[in-house]
Amino acid sequence: MIEEISFTIDAHQNHPKKPSKAFRKWDGKTPYSIHPIWSAMTILTETDLDEKTRMEGYQTLIYHDVKEDTNKPLPSNLESRILELVNHMTFEGGSEQEMQEIWGKPKEVRLYKLYDKVSNLLDASWMTTEKRAKYEEYLGKLTLDAEKNYGILNITKIARAIGRIK
C-alpha cells in the first residue's frame, strides 16, 4: 500500500502533464494526489463489498488519474485486470465523454467512478452553479446504479448527503 501511495504522490507531484495538474482546482495548493488516495482509502472502508471488489477498487482508484493527468507510466507489475479497469476509468475527451460512455463500462467501473466523483464534489467550490448541477445529476445516476448493483454503501450515503440526490 505504501508503495502505491508513494507512486501516486510522485506521479502527480513530479510528473504532471501540466503544472496545474499537480494541485486541486479549489485552492491551487492542495496536492492533487489526495484525490486518488482519498478515493482508494474510502473504498477500503466498504466492508459490505466483497474483498475482490474492494482490492481491485483500491488499486484502480489509486492509479486512475496517473494515466490521464501525468506523464509517468503505470507500474509495469500491475495485473492485467487492474490495467483494464484503469483504462476503463480514463476518458481523454473529458467529462462530457465520460458521462455518456460510462454506462457501457462494467458495473465495477461505474462503482469506482462514484468514489472519484464524490471526492471531486467534496472540493467543488470552484464549480459554477451550472457545472455543479450537471455534476450532481451525474452523481445521482451513479449512486442509483451503485445501489442497484451493490446495495446501500458508505459511498452512496455520502453521495446522497452532498449531492442532493432524491
Protein backbone atom coordinates (compact mmCIF):
# COMPACT_ATOMS: atom_id res chain seq x y z
CA MET A 1 0.00 0.00 0.00
CA ILE A 2 2.76 2.45 0.91
CA GLU A 3 4.48 1.83 -2.44
CA GLU A 4 1.27 2.53 -4.37
CA ILE A 5 0.56 5.72 -2.41
CA SER A 6 4.17 6.90 -2.86
CA PHE A 7 3.96 6.16 -6.58
CA THR A 8 0.79 8.22 -6.92
CA ILE A 9 2.20 11.14 -4.95
CA ASP A 10 5.34 11.14 -7.10
CA ALA A 11 3.38 10.87 -10.36
CA HIS A 12 1.18 13.87 -9.59
CA GLN A 13 3.81 15.97 -7.84
CA ASN A 14 6.77 15.41 -10.15
CA HIS A 15 5.29 14.27 -13.48
CA PRO A 16 2.05 16.23 -14.15
CA LYS A 17 1.13 16.77 -17.83
CA LYS A 18 0.58 20.45 -16.91
CA PRO A 19 1.75 22.28 -13.79
CA SER A 20 -1.90 22.86 -12.81
CA LYS A 21 -2.45 19.09 -12.66
CA ALA A 22 -0.20 18.88 -9.58
CA PHE A 23 -2.79 20.66 -7.40
CA ARG A 24 -6.53 20.55 -6.70
CA LYS A 25 -8.58 23.20 -8.52
CA TRP A 26 -10.34 24.53 -5.45
CA ASP A 27 -7.27 26.19 -3.94
CA GLY A 28 -4.36 25.57 -6.29
CA LYS A 29 -2.22 24.50 -3.29
CA THR A 30 -3.53 21.14 -2.11
CA PRO A 31 -1.59 18.29 -3.75
CA TYR A 32 -3.67 16.56 -6.41
CA SER A 33 -2.64 13.16 -5.10
CA ILE A 34 -5.00 13.49 -2.13
CA HIS A 35 -7.88 12.82 -4.56
CA PRO A 36 -6.87 9.31 -5.71
CA ILE A 37 -5.60 8.48 -2.23
CA TRP A 38 -8.92 9.54 -0.62
CA SER A 39 -10.87 7.55 -3.21
CA ALA A 40 -8.73 4.44 -2.73
CA MET A 41 -8.81 4.60 1.07
CA THR A 42 -12.56 5.18 1.13
CA ILE A 43 -13.37 2.04 -0.85
CA LEU A 44 -11.29 0.03 1.61
CA THR A 45 -13.77 1.05 4.34
CA GLU A 46 -16.65 -0.61 2.46
CA THR A 47 -16.96 -3.81 4.45
CA ASP A 48 -20.23 -4.64 2.66
CA LEU A 49 -18.32 -5.06 -0.60
CA ASP A 50 -16.59 -8.34 -1.33
CA GLU A 51 -12.81 -8.41 -0.89
CA LYS A 52 -12.09 -8.71 -4.63
CA THR A 53 -14.12 -5.60 -5.49
CA ARG A 54 -12.55 -3.65 -2.63
CA MET A 55 -8.96 -4.57 -3.50
CA GLU A 56 -9.40 -4.11 -7.24
CA GLY A 57 -11.16 -0.84 -6.49
CA TYR A 58 -8.35 0.32 -4.23
CA GLN A 59 -5.74 -0.33 -6.91
CA THR A 60 -7.85 1.10 -9.72
CA LEU A 61 -8.62 4.26 -7.77
CA ILE A 62 -5.06 4.85 -6.57
CA TYR A 63 -3.84 4.78 -10.22
CA HIS A 64 -6.92 6.08 -12.07
CA ASP A 65 -5.62 9.60 -12.73
CA VAL A 66 -1.97 8.73 -13.28
CA LYS A 67 -2.59 7.82 -16.91
CA GLU A 68 -4.90 10.77 -17.53
CA ASP A 69 -3.06 13.58 -15.73
CA THR A 70 0.64 12.63 -15.57
CA ASN A 71 3.48 11.60 -17.85
CA LYS A 72 4.57 8.80 -15.55
CA PRO A 73 3.92 5.30 -16.92
CA LEU A 74 1.86 2.99 -14.75
CA PRO A 75 3.89 0.40 -12.83
CA SER A 76 4.97 -2.45 -15.08
CA ASN A 77 3.98 -5.05 -12.48
CA LEU A 78 0.27 -4.13 -12.38
CA GLU A 79 -2.04 -7.06 -13.01
CA SER A 80 -3.78 -7.00 -16.39
CA ARG A 81 -7.18 -6.75 -14.67
CA ILE A 82 -6.12 -3.51 -12.90
CA LEU A 83 -4.74 -2.07 -16.14
CA GLU A 84 -8.03 -2.90 -17.83
CA LEU A 85 -10.03 -1.18 -15.07
CA VAL A 86 -7.75 1.89 -15.11
CA ASN A 87 -8.20 2.09 -18.89
CA HIS A 88 -11.98 1.92 -18.43
CA MET A 89 -11.74 4.80 -15.92
CA THR A 90 -9.79 7.02 -18.34
CA PHE A 91 -11.65 9.37 -20.66
CA GLU A 92 -9.35 11.53 -22.76
CA GLY A 93 -12.33 13.54 -24.04
CA GLY A 94 -13.28 14.92 -20.63
CA SER A 95 -16.39 14.80 -18.51
CA GLU A 96 -18.91 15.03 -21.37
CA GLN A 97 -17.47 11.91 -22.96
CA GLU A 98 -17.33 10.19 -19.59
CA MET A 99 -20.96 10.96 -18.72
CA GLN A 100 -22.09 9.38 -21.99
CA GLU A 101 -19.75 6.38 -22.20
CA ILE A 102 -19.68 5.28 -18.55
CA TRP A 103 -22.93 3.32 -18.94
CA GLY A 104 -21.25 0.91 -21.37
CA LYS A 105 -18.50 0.14 -18.86
CA PRO A 106 -18.52 -2.75 -16.36
CA LYS A 107 -20.52 -2.18 -13.18
CA GLU A 108 -17.32 -2.13 -11.11
CA VAL A 109 -16.02 0.81 -13.14
CA ARG A 110 -19.26 2.71 -12.55
CA LEU A 111 -18.90 1.99 -8.82
CA TYR A 112 -15.30 3.21 -8.80
CA LYS A 113 -16.35 6.35 -10.69
CA LEU A 114 -18.75 7.07 -7.83
CA TYR A 115 -15.81 7.32 -5.42
CA ASP A 116 -13.98 9.53 -7.90
CA LYS A 117 -16.94 11.87 -8.34
CA VAL A 118 -17.80 12.10 -4.63
CA SER A 119 -14.22 13.13 -3.94
CA ASN A 120 -14.42 15.79 -6.65
CA LEU A 121 -17.68 17.13 -5.29
CA LEU A 122 -16.24 17.40 -1.78
CA ASP A 123 -13.96 20.18 -3.02
CA ALA A 124 -16.16 21.63 -5.76
CA SER A 125 -16.17 25.24 -4.60
CA TRP A 126 -14.56 26.15 -7.93
CA MET A 127 -17.53 24.81 -9.94
CA THR A 128 -20.09 27.14 -11.46
CA THR A 129 -23.69 26.61 -10.39
CA GLU A 130 -24.44 25.08 -13.80
CA LYS A 131 -21.47 22.71 -13.69
CA ARG A 132 -22.27 21.65 -10.15
CA ALA A 133 -25.90 20.91 -11.10
CA LYS A 134 -24.77 18.75 -14.01
CA TYR A 135 -22.24 17.03 -11.76
CA GLU A 136 -24.87 16.33 -9.12
CA GLU A 137 -27.19 14.87 -11.75
CA TYR A 138 -24.41 12.53 -12.90
CA LEU A 139 -23.57 11.68 -9.29
CA GLY A 140 -27.23 10.81 -8.72
CA LYS A 141 -27.24 8.38 -11.63
CA LEU A 142 -24.00 6.76 -10.46
CA THR A 143 -25.43 6.48 -6.94
CA LEU A 144 -28.64 4.79 -8.09
CA ASP A 145 -26.62 2.42 -10.27
CA ALA A 146 -24.33 1.51 -7.35
CA GLU A 147 -27.29 0.92 -5.02
CA LYS A 148 -28.93 -1.30 -7.65
CA ASN A 149 -25.75 -3.37 -8.10
CA TYR A 150 -24.22 -3.29 -4.61
CA GLY A 151 -26.86 -2.08 -2.15
CA ILE A 152 -26.52 0.82 0.26
CA LEU A 153 -22.84 1.61 0.85
CA ASN A 154 -20.97 4.27 2.77
CA ILE A 155 -20.16 6.00 -0.54
CA THR A 156 -23.82 6.10 -1.59
CA LYS A 157 -24.71 7.64 1.78
CA ILE A 158 -22.02 10.29 1.32
CA ALA A 159 -23.14 10.91 -2.27
CA ARG A 160 -26.74 11.37 -1.17
CA ALA A 161 -25.68 13.78 1.57
CA ILE A 162 -23.57 16.05 -0.62
CA GLY A 163 -25.25 15.63 -3.99
CA ARG A 164 -28.85 16.50 -3.19
CA ILE A 165 -29.96 13.15 -4.61
CA LYS A 166 -33.63 12.34 -4.31
